[in-house]
Amino acid sequence: MLQRVFISLFLIVSGCEASLTTNYDVDPAETPDVSNPDSSSGDVGLLDMGGVADMPAEMPDQDLDVATEDMTLADMPADMVVDMPRDMPADMVPDMPVDMVADMPDQATGPVCGNGVTEAPETCDGNCPQSCEAMVCQTATMSGTPQNCDVECSYQAIVTCTNNDGCCAPGCNANNDDDCVVDCRNPASWPTGWATYEQEVVTLLNQYRSSSQNCGTRGTFSAAGPLVMSPTLQEASRCHSVDMGVHNTLTHTGSDGSSFSQRASAAGYTGFAANENAGKGYSTPASVVQGWMNSDGHCANVMNPNINRVGVGYYLHATSGRWWTMVGGINGN
């Protein structure tokens, strides 16, 4: 009897041990091994979804392209899309970063001037110009106002020759527009009328040289060969005429103390600068050449048989008048 009771108690205890070790609510084979992610069931993937892990198993159908009433998922940072519930209450929008809110269009009120965003039909926002930038040889017209963020500047080229408007328009020169700066070293800036006068002087010089000339105390000179205009001697002549006109001084010495040969070298002349004639006040090429031929020393310079290059510079100063320079050279450029 005692033995039978002992066996029964052993079975009872053995049954309790069995229930403690085998009482599962689900099949152990279906329990995921959390320590080994590769062996887990599909539900364990919720652990990688952040806040989505607490969502109910059955979700109502939602349009996944819509996160809020005014924003799409494409507009939001990727790290926000995962953690944000699909139905965002409208009162959560103000909690978004400032730089995101600023990019949202002003759908209710239209464009807002000064909100940091240039919205059509705005042309600027908070940094609108108060006036149009000045452009050389162009007139500017401003439309709109900074207050409305719609300032626009339009420009039109100046085509007339007008004094003191800050523009030397195409086709204008120092003869008809005080704004045209004369640069004796830049042929493009030299007035066409002045260049024509200079070439006429060369033509007249060669006419005199084509026959013998009596130069008074300097003797009689036989006919000599024609002179060819030298660009470098022309530059030296032009610059000396400008220098004399600016300083209102008729001289062969430059305001910087230079001689005619030094000025020729400075202009790049490679030949030998032999002589120079200057004049003031003569109104035409014919009158200045006639004046030189009536002066013994100037006449001898013109008739010098050794020279074959020449440079002529004419300059008209607004107050000191007309100035002429001729430099004769031997060979060179």
C-alpha atoms as a PDB file:
ATOM      1  CA  MET A   1       0.000   0.000   0.000  1.00  0.00           C
ATOM      2  CA  LEU A   2       2.724   2.366   0.991  1.00  0.00           C
ATOM      3  CA  GLN A   3       4.600   1.435  -2.175  1.00  0.00           C
ATOM      4  CA  ARG A   4       1.510   2.151  -4.300  1.00  0.00           C
ATOM      5  CA  VAL A   5       1.124   5.612  -2.729  1.00  0.00           C
ATOM      6  CA  PHE A   6       4.775   6.421  -3.348  1.00  0.00           C
ATOM      7  CA  ILE A   7       4.482   5.467  -7.023  1.00  0.00           C
ATOM      8  CA  SER A   8       1.354   7.618  -7.370  1.00  0.00           C
ATOM      9  CA  LEU A   9       3.070  10.602  -5.699  1.00  0.00           C
ATOM     10  CA  PHE A  10       6.031  10.130  -8.019  1.00  0.00           C
ATOM     11  CA  LEU A  11       3.730  10.178 -11.036  1.00  0.00           C
ATOM     12  CA  ILE A  12       2.013  13.318  -9.763  1.00  0.00           C
ATOM     13  CA  VAL A  13       5.324  15.052  -9.207  1.00  0.00           C
ATOM     14  CA  SER A  14       6.534  13.817 -12.552  1.00  0.00           C
ATOM     15  CA  GLY A  15       3.386  15.215 -14.149  1.00  0.00           C
ATOM     16  CA  CYS A  16       4.031  18.595 -12.553  1.00  0.00           C
ATOM     17  CA  GLU A  17       7.567  18.665 -13.910  1.00  0.00           C
ATOM     18  CA  ALA A  18       6.181  17.845 -17.349  1.00  0.00           C
ATOM     19  CA  SER A  19       3.636  20.692 -17.213  1.00  0.00           C
ATOM     20  CA  LEU A  20       6.306  23.193 -16.154  1.00  0.00           C
ATOM     21  CA  THR A  21       8.510  22.382 -19.091  1.00  0.00           C
ATOM     22  CA  THR A  22       5.986  21.744 -21.859  1.00  0.00           C
ATOM     23  CA  ASN A  23       3.091  24.155 -21.207  1.00  0.00           C
ATOM     24  CA  TYR A  24       3.253  26.431 -24.367  1.00  0.00           C
ATOM     25  CA  ASP A  25       0.516  28.623 -25.750  1.00  0.00           C
ATOM     26  CA  VAL A  26       1.905  28.124 -29.293  1.00  0.00           C
ATOM     27  CA  ASP A  27       3.932  25.523 -31.041  1.00  0.00           C
ATOM     28  CA  PRO A  28       7.614  25.966 -30.038  1.00  0.00           C
ATOM     29  CA  ALA A  29       8.560  25.409 -33.649  1.00  0.00           C
ATOM     30  CA  GLU A  30       6.724  28.666 -34.577  1.00  0.00           C
ATOM     31  CA  THR A  31       8.414  30.795 -31.890  1.00  0.00           C
ATOM     32  CA  PRO A  32      10.956  33.139 -33.459  1.00  0.00           C
ATOM     33  CA  ASP A  33      14.527  32.991 -32.313  1.00  0.00           C
ATOM     34  CA  VAL A  34      15.114  36.673 -31.478  1.00  0.00           C
ATOM     35  CA  SER A  35      18.819  36.061 -31.037  1.00  0.00           C
ATOM     36  CA  ASN A  36      19.010  35.046 -34.692  1.00  0.00           C
ATOM     37  CA  PRO A  37      17.174  37.546 -36.906  1.00  0.00           C
ATOM     38  CA  ASP A  38      17.474  35.275 -39.914  1.00  0.00           C
ATOM     39  CA  SER A  39      15.270  32.606 -38.228  1.00  0.00           C
ATOM     40  CA  SER A  40      12.468  35.006 -37.189  1.00  0.00           C
ATOM     41  CA  SER A  41       9.027  35.153 -38.752  1.00  0.00           C
ATOM     42  CA  GLY A  42       7.788  38.126 -40.800  1.00  0.00           C
ATOM     43  CA  ASP A  43       6.179  39.755 -37.734  1.00  0.00           C
ATOM     44  CA  VAL A  44       9.585  40.353 -36.139  1.00  0.00           C
ATOM     45  CA  GLY A  45      10.236  42.936 -38.879  1.00  0.00           C
ATOM     46  CA  LEU A  46       8.049  45.336 -36.921  1.00  0.00           C
ATOM     47  CA  LEU A  47      10.945  45.798 -34.528  1.00  0.00           C
ATOM     48  CA  ASP A  48      12.755  47.663 -37.327  1.00  0.00           C
ATOM     49  CA  MET A  49       9.888  50.088 -37.938  1.00  0.00           C
ATOM     50  CA  GLY A  50      10.371  52.404 -34.970  1.00  0.00           C
ATOM     51  CA  GLY A  51       7.044  53.809 -33.791  1.00  0.00           C
ATOM     52  CA  VAL A  52       5.101  51.704 -36.290  1.00  0.00           C
ATOM     53  CA  ALA A  53       5.710  48.616 -34.116  1.00  0.00           C
ATOM     54  CA  ASP A  54       2.721  49.527 -31.872  1.00  0.00           C
ATOM     55  CA  MET A  55       0.269  49.892 -34.775  1.00  0.00           C
ATOM     56  CA  PRO A  56      -2.685  47.386 -34.936  1.00  0.00           C
ATOM     57  CA  ALA A  57      -2.290  44.311 -37.086  1.00  0.00           C
ATOM     58  CA  GLU A  58      -5.060  45.395 -39.446  1.00  0.00           C
ATOM     59  CA  MET A  59      -4.520  48.902 -40.875  1.00  0.00           C
ATOM     60  CA  PRO A  60      -7.198  50.795 -42.751  1.00  0.00           C
ATOM     61  CA  ASP A  61      -6.385  51.454 -46.368  1.00  0.00           C
ATOM     62  CA  GLN A  62      -4.571  54.770 -46.703  1.00  0.00           C
ATOM     63  CA  ASP A  63      -3.164  56.748 -49.618  1.00  0.00           C
ATOM     64  CA  LEU A  64       0.517  56.333 -48.852  1.00  0.00           C
ATOM     65  CA  ASP A  65       1.347  59.329 -51.052  1.00  0.00           C
ATOM     66  CA  VAL A  66      -0.391  61.679 -48.614  1.00  0.00           C
ATOM     67  CA  ALA A  67       1.187  62.505 -45.255  1.00  0.00           C
ATOM     68  CA  THR A  68      -0.710  65.676 -44.403  1.00  0.00           C
ATOM     69  CA  GLU A  69      -3.331  67.780 -46.076  1.00  0.00           C
ATOM     70  CA  ASP A  70      -0.748  70.040 -47.746  1.00  0.00           C
ATOM     71  CA  MET A  71       2.423  67.917 -47.895  1.00  0.00           C
ATOM     72  CA  THR A  72       3.351  64.716 -49.717  1.00  0.00           C
ATOM     73  CA  LEU A  73       5.853  62.160 -48.502  1.00  0.00           C
ATOM     74  CA  ALA A  74       8.138  63.220 -51.310  1.00  0.00           C
ATOM     75  CA  ASP A  75       8.458  66.658 -49.673  1.00  0.00           C
ATOM     76  CA  MET A  76       9.465  65.278 -46.248  1.00  0.00           C
ATOM     77  CA  PRO A  77      12.875  63.997 -45.060  1.00  0.00           C
ATOM     78  CA  ALA A  78      13.159  60.226 -45.273  1.00  0.00           C
ATOM     79  CA  ASP A  79      13.805  59.805 -41.550  1.00  0.00           C
ATOM     80  CA  MET A  80      10.514  61.549 -40.744  1.00  0.00           C
ATOM     81  CA  VAL A  81       8.365  59.389 -43.042  1.00  0.00           C
ATOM     82  CA  VAL A  82       9.112  56.188 -41.073  1.00  0.00           C
ATOM     83  CA  ASP A  83       8.231  57.547 -37.656  1.00  0.00           C
ATOM     84  CA  MET A  84       5.207  59.652 -38.588  1.00  0.00           C
ATOM     85  CA  PRO A  85       1.647  58.218 -38.396  1.00  0.00           C
ATOM     86  CA  ARG A  86      -0.136  58.194 -41.708  1.00  0.00           C
ATOM     87  CA  ASP A  87      -3.001  60.387 -40.505  1.00  0.00           C
ATOM     88  CA  MET A  88      -1.259  63.555 -39.215  1.00  0.00           C
ATOM     89  CA  PRO A  89      -3.549  65.947 -37.342  1.00  0.00           C
ATOM     90  CA  ALA A  90      -3.556  69.444 -38.819  1.00  0.00           C
ATOM     91  CA  ASP A  91      -2.376  70.937 -35.525  1.00  0.00           C
ATOM     92  CA  MET A  92       0.936  69.126 -35.895  1.00  0.00           C
ATOM     93  CA  VAL A  93       2.012  71.152 -38.955  1.00  0.00           C
ATOM     94  CA  PRO A  94       3.308  74.130 -36.883  1.00  0.00           C
ATOM     95  CA  ASP A  95       5.701  71.725 -35.146  1.00  0.00           C
ATOM     96  CA  MET A  96       7.576  71.041 -38.366  1.00  0.00           C
ATOM     97  CA  PRO A  97      11.028  72.605 -38.871  1.00  0.00           C
ATOM     98  CA  VAL A  98      10.955  76.282 -39.854  1.00  0.00           C
ATOM     99  CA  ASP A  99      12.827  75.675 -43.099  1.00  0.00           C
ATOM    100  CA  MET A 100      10.107  73.228 -44.165  1.00  0.00           C
ATOM    101  CA  VAL A 101       7.245  75.566 -43.353  1.00  0.00           C
ATOM    102  CA  ALA A 102       8.941  78.412 -45.228  1.00  0.00           C
ATOM    103  CA  ASP A 103       8.943  76.340 -48.411  1.00  0.00           C
ATOM    104  CA  MET A 104       5.213  75.708 -48.281  1.00  0.00           C
ATOM    105  CA  PRO A 105       3.295  77.923 -50.744  1.00  0.00           C
ATOM    106  CA  ASP A 106       1.058  80.659 -49.413  1.00  0.00           C
ATOM    107  CA  GLN A 107      -2.023  78.986 -50.851  1.00  0.00           C
ATOM    108  CA  ALA A 108      -4.469  80.826 -48.696  1.00  0.00           C
ATOM    109  CA  THR A 109      -3.064  84.352 -48.885  1.00  0.00           C
ATOM    110  CA  GLY A 110      -1.039  84.359 -52.147  1.00  0.00           C
ATOM    111  CA  PRO A 111       2.559  85.605 -52.371  1.00  0.00           C
ATOM    112  CA  VAL A 112       3.847  87.313 -49.246  1.00  0.00           C
ATOM    113  CA  CYS A 113       6.499  89.990 -49.781  1.00  0.00           C
ATOM    114  CA  GLY A 114       9.440  89.550 -47.412  1.00  0.00           C
ATOM    115  CA  ASN A 115       8.846  85.948 -46.309  1.00  0.00           C
ATOM    116  CA  GLY A 116      12.145  84.829 -47.789  1.00  0.00           C
ATOM    117  CA  VAL A 117      10.565  83.040 -50.761  1.00  0.00           C
ATOM    118  CA  THR A 118      10.252  84.535 -54.254  1.00  0.00           C
ATOM    119  CA  GLU A 119       6.749  83.462 -55.295  1.00  0.00           C
ATOM    120  CA  ALA A 120       5.197  84.243 -58.673  1.00  0.00           C
ATOM    121  CA  PRO A 121       4.548  86.937 -59.737  1.00  0.00           C
ATOM    122  CA  GLU A 122       7.230  88.354 -57.395  1.00  0.00           C
ATOM    123  CA  THR A 123      10.588  89.267 -58.956  1.00  0.00           C
ATOM    124  CA  CYS A 124      12.375  89.701 -55.623  1.00  0.00           C
ATOM    125  CA  ASP A 125      11.590  89.147 -51.956  1.00  0.00           C
ATOM    126  CA  GLY A 126      12.935  91.295 -49.146  1.00  0.00           C
ATOM    127  CA  ASN A 127      16.044  92.284 -51.148  1.00  0.00           C
ATOM    128  CA  CYS A 128      14.462  94.363 -53.899  1.00  0.00           C
ATOM    129  CA  PRO A 129      16.598  97.203 -55.350  1.00  0.00           C
ATOM    130  CA  GLN A 130      15.586 100.748 -54.518  1.00  0.00           C
ATOM    131  CA  SER A 131      16.917 101.952 -57.875  1.00  0.00           C
ATOM    132  CA  CYS A 132      18.347 100.491 -61.085  1.00  0.00           C
ATOM    133  CA  GLU A 133      22.080  99.953 -61.424  1.00  0.00           C
ATOM    134  CA  ALA A 134      23.752 102.488 -63.691  1.00  0.00           C
ATOM    135  CA  MET A 135      25.030 100.998 -66.955  1.00  0.00           C
ATOM    136  CA  VAL A 136      27.468 102.719 -69.319  1.00  0.00           C
ATOM    137  CA  CYS A 137      25.739 104.143 -72.403  1.00  0.00           C
ATOM    138  CA  GLN A 138      22.331 102.810 -71.321  1.00  0.00           C
ATOM    139  CA  THR A 139      19.295 104.473 -69.791  1.00  0.00           C
ATOM    140  CA  ALA A 140      17.537 102.541 -67.032  1.00  0.00           C
ATOM    141  CA  THR A 141      13.814 102.388 -66.306  1.00  0.00           C
ATOM    142  CA  MET A 142      12.482 100.863 -63.076  1.00  0.00           C
ATOM    143  CA  SER A 143       9.007  99.380 -62.830  1.00  0.00           C
ATOM    144  CA  GLY A 144       7.254  98.063 -59.738  1.00  0.00           C
ATOM    145  CA  THR A 145       8.067  98.901 -56.121  1.00  0.00           C
ATOM    146  CA  PRO A 146      10.176  97.305 -53.376  1.00  0.00           C
ATOM    147  CA  GLN A 147       7.075  97.234 -51.166  1.00  0.00           C
ATOM    148  CA  ASN A 148       5.305  94.914 -53.605  1.00  0.00           C
ATOM    149  CA  CYS A 149       8.401  92.814 -54.321  1.00  0.00           C
ATOM    150  CA  ASP A 150       7.991  93.308 -58.073  1.00  0.00           C
ATOM    151  CA  VAL A 151      10.862  95.631 -59.003  1.00  0.00           C
ATOM    152  CA  GLU A 152      12.189  95.192 -62.530  1.00  0.00           C
ATOM    153  CA  CYS A 153      14.853  97.221 -64.364  1.00  0.00           C
ATOM    154  CA  SER A 154      14.907  97.594 -68.144  1.00  0.00           C
ATOM    155  CA  TYR A 155      17.722  99.185 -70.156  1.00  0.00           C
ATOM    156  CA  GLN A 156      17.909 100.943 -73.518  1.00  0.00           C
ATOM    157  CA  ALA A 157      21.097 101.840 -75.385  1.00  0.00           C
ATOM    158  CA  ILE A 158      21.980 105.528 -75.838  1.00  0.00           C
ATOM    159  CA  VAL A 159      22.377 106.289 -79.549  1.00  0.00           C
ATOM    160  CA  THR A 160      22.589 110.102 -79.598  1.00  0.00           C
ATOM    161  CA  CYS A 161      25.682 112.285 -79.183  1.00  0.00           C
ATOM    162  CA  THR A 162      24.888 114.401 -76.123  1.00  0.00           C
ATOM    163  CA  ASN A 163      27.336 116.375 -74.008  1.00  0.00           C
ATOM    164  CA  ASN A 164      27.812 115.470 -70.346  1.00  0.00           C
ATOM    165  CA  ASP A 165      25.566 112.401 -70.302  1.00  0.00           C
ATOM    166  CA  GLY A 166      28.476 110.141 -69.415  1.00  0.00           C
ATOM    167  CA  CYS A 167      28.341 108.286 -72.725  1.00  0.00           C
ATOM    168  CA  CYS A 168      30.330 108.422 -75.920  1.00  0.00           C
ATOM    169  CA  ALA A 169      27.833 106.572 -78.098  1.00  0.00           C
ATOM    170  CA  PRO A 170      28.818 104.710 -81.280  1.00  0.00           C
ATOM    171  CA  GLY A 171      29.494 107.184 -84.070  1.00  0.00           C
ATOM    172  CA  CYS A 172      30.208 110.038 -81.641  1.00  0.00           C
ATOM    173  CA  ASN A 173      33.591 111.688 -81.113  1.00  0.00           C
ATOM    174  CA  ALA A 174      35.222 114.620 -79.374  1.00  0.00           C
ATOM    175  CA  ASN A 175      33.910 116.947 -82.094  1.00  0.00           C
ATOM    176  CA  ASN A 176      30.239 116.394 -81.249  1.00  0.00           C
ATOM    177  CA  ASP A 177      30.221 114.868 -77.774  1.00  0.00           C
ATOM    178  CA  ASP A 178      32.201 116.100 -74.770  1.00  0.00           C
ATOM    179  CA  ASP A 179      31.890 112.657 -73.199  1.00  0.00           C
ATOM    180  CA  CYS A 180      34.124 111.100 -75.860  1.00  0.00           C
ATOM    181  CA  VAL A 181      37.584 110.689 -74.360  1.00  0.00           C
ATOM    182  CA  VAL A 182      40.374 111.229 -76.863  1.00  0.00           C
ATOM    183  CA  ASP A 183      43.218 108.758 -76.453  1.00  0.00           C
ATOM    184  CA  CYS A 184      46.177 109.579 -78.682  1.00  0.00           C
ATOM    185  CA  ARG A 185      47.411 105.992 -78.284  1.00  0.00           C
ATOM    186  CA  ASN A 186      44.110 104.436 -79.352  1.00  0.00           C
ATOM    187  CA  PRO A 187      43.309 104.993 -83.050  1.00  0.00           C
ATOM    188  CA  ALA A 188      39.736 103.782 -82.499  1.00  0.00           C
ATOM    189  CA  SER A 189      39.037 106.721 -80.183  1.00  0.00           C
ATOM    190  CA  TRP A 190      40.457 109.320 -82.561  1.00  0.00           C
ATOM    191  CA  PRO A 191      37.744 111.379 -84.351  1.00  0.00           C
ATOM    192  CA  THR A 192      37.404 110.531 -88.022  1.00  0.00           C
ATOM    193  CA  GLY A 193      37.451 114.199 -89.026  1.00  0.00           C
ATOM    194  CA  TRP A 194      40.798 114.700 -87.295  1.00  0.00           C
ATOM    195  CA  ALA A 195      42.294 111.661 -89.013  1.00  0.00           C
ATOM    196  CA  THR A 196      41.083 113.001 -92.361  1.00  0.00           C
ATOM    197  CA  TYR A 197      42.819 116.331 -91.709  1.00  0.00           C
ATOM    198  CA  GLU A 198      46.040 114.480 -90.893  1.00  0.00           C
ATOM    199  CA  GLN A 199      45.984 112.521 -94.140  1.00  0.00           C
ATOM    200  CA  GLU A 200      45.313 115.719 -96.104  1.00  0.00           C
ATOM    201  CA  VAL A 201      48.448 117.233 -94.580  1.00  0.00           C
ATOM    202  CA  VAL A 202      50.538 114.300 -95.855  1.00  0.00           C
ATOM    203  CA  THR A 203      49.052 114.749 -99.341  1.00  0.00           C
ATOM    204  CA  LEU A 204      49.948 118.458 -99.354  1.00  0.00           C
ATOM    205  CA  LEU A 205      53.478 117.801 -98.053  1.00  0.00           C
ATOM    206  CA  ASN A 206      54.086 115.396-100.913  1.00  0.00           C
ATOM    207  CA  GLN A 207      52.779 117.918-103.409  1.00  0.00           C
ATOM    208  CA  TYR A 208      55.408 120.411-102.250  1.00  0.00           C
ATOM    209  CA  ARG A 209      58.107 117.745-102.221  1.00  0.00           C
ATOM    210  CA  SER A 210      57.316 116.755-105.804  1.00  0.00           C
ATOM    211  CA  SER A 211      59.037 119.944-107.044  1.00  0.00           C
ATOM    212  CA  SER A 212      61.949 122.122-105.950  1.00  0.00           C
ATOM    213  CA  GLN A 213      61.257 124.643-103.206  1.00  0.00           C
ATOM    214  CA  ASN A 214      63.030 127.808-102.066  1.00  0.00           C
ATOM    215  CA  CYS A 215      63.336 127.763 -98.278  1.00  0.00           C
ATOM    216  CA  GLY A 216      64.899 131.232 -97.949  1.00  0.00           C
ATOM    217  CA  THR A 217      67.936 131.296 -95.718  1.00  0.00           C
ATOM    218  CA  ARG A 218      68.003 127.498 -95.720  1.00  0.00           C
ATOM    219  CA  GLY A 219      68.492 127.412 -99.470  1.00  0.00           C
ATOM    220  CA  THR A 220      66.713 125.791-102.393  1.00  0.00           C
ATOM    221  CA  PHE A 221      65.785 122.126-102.173  1.00  0.00           C
ATOM    222  CA  SER A 222      65.361 119.825-105.100  1.00  0.00           C
ATOM    223  CA  ALA A 223      62.335 117.628-105.459  1.00  0.00           C
ATOM    224  CA  ALA A 224      62.260 114.737-103.012  1.00  0.00           C
ATOM    225  CA  GLY A 225      60.502 111.405-102.753  1.00  0.00           C
ATOM    226  CA  PRO A 226      57.030 111.035-101.214  1.00  0.00           C
ATOM    227  CA  LEU A 227      56.451 110.564 -97.516  1.00  0.00           C
ATOM    228  CA  VAL A 228      54.547 107.570 -96.130  1.00  0.00           C
ATOM    229  CA  MET A 229      52.426 107.910 -92.999  1.00  0.00           C
ATOM    230  CA  SER A 230      53.983 105.975 -90.111  1.00  0.00           C
ATOM    231  CA  PRO A 231      51.492 104.762 -87.462  1.00  0.00           C
ATOM    232  CA  THR A 232      54.048 105.094 -84.684  1.00  0.00           C
ATOM    233  CA  LEU A 233      55.158 108.596 -85.730  1.00  0.00           C
ATOM    234  CA  GLN A 234      51.470 109.498 -86.065  1.00  0.00           C
ATOM    235  CA  GLU A 235      50.882 108.415 -82.462  1.00  0.00           C
ATOM    236  CA  ALA A 236      53.835 110.501 -81.285  1.00  0.00           C
ATOM    237  CA  SER A 237      52.516 113.508 -83.238  1.00  0.00           C
ATOM    238  CA  ARG A 238      48.986 113.140 -81.924  1.00  0.00           C
ATOM    239  CA  CYS A 239      50.113 112.852 -78.319  1.00  0.00           C
ATOM    240  CA  HIS A 240      52.287 115.960 -78.632  1.00  0.00           C
ATOM    241  CA  SER A 241      49.394 117.949 -80.159  1.00  0.00           C
ATOM    242  CA  VAL A 242      47.179 116.885 -77.246  1.00  0.00           C
ATOM    243  CA  ASP A 243      49.907 117.798 -74.760  1.00  0.00           C
ATOM    244  CA  MET A 244      50.328 121.265 -76.280  1.00  0.00           C
ATOM    245  CA  GLY A 245      46.570 121.836 -76.405  1.00  0.00           C
ATOM    246  CA  VAL A 246      45.977 120.774 -72.818  1.00  0.00           C
ATOM    247  CA  HIS A 247      48.774 123.044 -71.574  1.00  0.00           C
ATOM    248  CA  ASN A 248      48.103 125.738 -74.199  1.00  0.00           C
ATOM    249  CA  THR A 249      51.806 125.908 -75.040  1.00  0.00           C
ATOM    250  CA  LEU A 250      53.391 125.775 -78.512  1.00  0.00           C
ATOM    251  CA  THR A 251      56.685 123.964 -77.981  1.00  0.00           C
ATOM    252  CA  HIS A 252      58.906 121.100 -79.106  1.00  0.00           C
ATOM    253  CA  THR A 253      59.482 120.028 -75.504  1.00  0.00           C
ATOM    254  CA  GLY A 254      56.787 117.884 -73.907  1.00  0.00           C
ATOM    255  CA  SER A 255      55.255 118.714 -70.546  1.00  0.00           C
ATOM    256  CA  ASP A 256      57.264 115.768 -69.222  1.00  0.00           C
ATOM    257  CA  GLY A 257      60.497 117.208 -70.648  1.00  0.00           C
ATOM    258  CA  SER A 258      60.597 114.794 -73.602  1.00  0.00           C
ATOM    259  CA  SER A 259      62.074 115.589 -77.034  1.00  0.00           C
ATOM    260  CA  PHE A 260      60.393 114.603 -80.304  1.00  0.00           C
ATOM    261  CA  SER A 261      62.821 111.704 -80.798  1.00  0.00           C
ATOM    262  CA  GLN A 262      62.059 110.390 -77.310  1.00  0.00           C
ATOM    263  CA  ARG A 263      58.328 110.597 -77.976  1.00  0.00           C
ATOM    264  CA  ALA A 264      58.830 108.708 -81.244  1.00  0.00           C
ATOM    265  CA  SER A 265      60.729 105.942 -79.470  1.00  0.00           C
ATOM    266  CA  ALA A 266      58.084 105.775 -76.748  1.00  0.00           C
ATOM    267  CA  ALA A 267      55.450 105.223 -79.458  1.00  0.00           C
ATOM    268  CA  GLY A 268      57.456 102.286 -80.798  1.00  0.00           C
ATOM    269  CA  TYR A 269      59.071 103.883 -83.839  1.00  0.00           C
ATOM    270  CA  THR A 270      62.054 101.806 -85.014  1.00  0.00           C
ATOM    271  CA  GLY A 271      63.566 104.249 -87.514  1.00  0.00           C
ATOM    272  CA  PHE A 272      65.462 107.522 -87.031  1.00  0.00           C
ATOM    273  CA  ALA A 273      63.316 110.497 -85.997  1.00  0.00           C
ATOM    274  CA  ALA A 274      64.880 113.414 -87.935  1.00  0.00           C
ATOM    275  CA  ASN A 275      62.766 116.517 -87.352  1.00  0.00           C
ATOM    276  CA  GLU A 276      59.496 117.980 -86.102  1.00  0.00           C
ATOM    277  CA  ASN A 277      57.181 120.867 -87.090  1.00  0.00           C
ATOM    278  CA  ALA A 278      54.409 122.225 -84.873  1.00  0.00           C
ATOM    279  CA  GLY A 279      51.642 124.781 -85.306  1.00  0.00           C
ATOM    280  CA  LYS A 280      48.750 126.424 -83.497  1.00  0.00           C
ATOM    281  CA  GLY A 281      45.547 128.083 -84.621  1.00  0.00           C
ATOM    282  CA  TYR A 282      45.526 127.073 -88.300  1.00  0.00           C
ATOM    283  CA  SER A 283      41.994 126.050 -89.270  1.00  0.00           C
ATOM    284  CA  THR A 284      42.721 123.780 -92.257  1.00  0.00           C
ATOM    285  CA  PRO A 285      45.414 121.399 -93.495  1.00  0.00           C
ATOM    286  CA  ALA A 286      46.177 123.737 -96.379  1.00  0.00           C
ATOM    287  CA  SER A 287      46.706 126.719 -94.097  1.00  0.00           C
ATOM    288  CA  VAL A 288      49.067 124.952 -91.696  1.00  0.00           C
ATOM    289  CA  VAL A 289      51.187 123.446 -94.512  1.00  0.00           C
ATOM    290  CA  GLN A 290      51.359 126.847 -96.192  1.00  0.00           C
ATOM    291  CA  GLY A 291      52.475 128.328 -92.884  1.00  0.00           C
ATOM    292  CA  TRP A 292      55.292 125.802 -92.612  1.00  0.00           C
ATOM    293  CA  MET A 293      56.421 126.397 -96.189  1.00  0.00           C
ATOM    294  CA  ASN A 294      56.565 130.163 -95.531  1.00  0.00           C
ATOM    295  CA  SER A 295      58.994 129.575 -92.612  1.00  0.00           C
ATOM    296  CA  ASP A 296      62.584 128.821 -93.652  1.00  0.00           C
ATOM    297  CA  GLY A 297      63.306 126.269 -90.929  1.00  0.00           C
ATOM    298  CA  HIS A 298      59.948 124.481 -91.252  1.00  0.00           C
ATOM    299  CA  CYS A 299      60.254 124.469 -95.039  1.00  0.00           C
ATOM    300  CA  ALA A 300      63.683 122.813 -94.794  1.00  0.00           C
ATOM    301  CA  ASN A 301      62.228 120.091 -92.560  1.00  0.00           C
ATOM    302  CA  VAL A 302      59.499 119.399 -95.113  1.00  0.00           C
ATOM    303  CA  MET A 303      61.961 119.253 -98.024  1.00  0.00           C
ATOM    304  CA  ASN A 304      64.609 117.177 -96.246  1.00  0.00           C
ATOM    305  CA  PRO A 305      65.554 114.603 -98.916  1.00  0.00           C
ATOM    306  CA  ASN A 306      66.549 111.977 -96.335  1.00  0.00           C
ATOM    307  CA  ILE A 307      63.172 111.505 -94.693  1.00  0.00           C
ATOM    308  CA  ASN A 308      60.669 109.040 -96.128  1.00  0.00           C
ATOM    309  CA  ARG A 309      58.320 108.517 -93.150  1.00  0.00           C
ATOM    310  CA  VAL A 310      56.067 111.071 -91.516  1.00  0.00           C
ATOM    311  CA  GLY A 311      53.571 111.308 -88.673  1.00  0.00           C
ATOM    312  CA  VAL A 312      50.913 114.017 -88.431  1.00  0.00           C
ATOM    313  CA  GLY A 313      48.703 114.764 -85.418  1.00  0.00           C
ATOM    314  CA  TYR A 314      45.781 117.224 -85.307  1.00  0.00           C
ATOM    315  CA  TYR A 315      43.988 118.061 -82.071  1.00  0.00           C
ATOM    316  CA  LEU A 316      41.088 120.437 -81.375  1.00  0.00           C
ATOM    317  CA  HIS A 317      40.883 121.584 -77.760  1.00  0.00           C
ATOM    318  CA  ALA A 318      37.606 123.031 -76.465  1.00  0.00           C
ATOM    319  CA  THR A 319      39.253 126.236 -75.207  1.00  0.00           C
ATOM    320  CA  SER A 320      42.819 126.453 -76.527  1.00  0.00           C
ATOM    321  CA  GLY A 321      41.898 125.729 -80.150  1.00  0.00           C
ATOM    322  CA  ARG A 322      43.627 123.787 -82.944  1.00  0.00           C
ATOM    323  CA  TRP A 323      47.039 122.144 -82.663  1.00  0.00           C
ATOM    324  CA  TRP A 324      49.232 120.513 -85.323  1.00  0.00           C
ATOM    325  CA  THR A 325      52.383 118.364 -85.189  1.00  0.00           C
ATOM    326  CA  MET A 326      54.504 116.793 -87.950  1.00  0.00           C
ATOM    327  CA  VAL A 327      57.406 114.420 -87.274  1.00  0.00           C
ATOM    328  CA  GLY A 328      59.720 113.328 -90.120  1.00  0.00           C
ATOM    329  CA  GLY A 329      61.603 110.026 -89.959  1.00  0.00           C
ATOM    330  CA  ILE A 330      64.005 107.864 -91.918  1.00  0.00           C
ATOM    331  CA  ASN A 331      62.866 104.300 -92.575  1.00  0.00           C
ATOM    332  CA  GLY A 332      61.360 102.301 -89.718  1.00  0.00           C
ATOM    333  CA  ASN A 333      57.731 101.381 -89.090  1.00  0.00           C
END
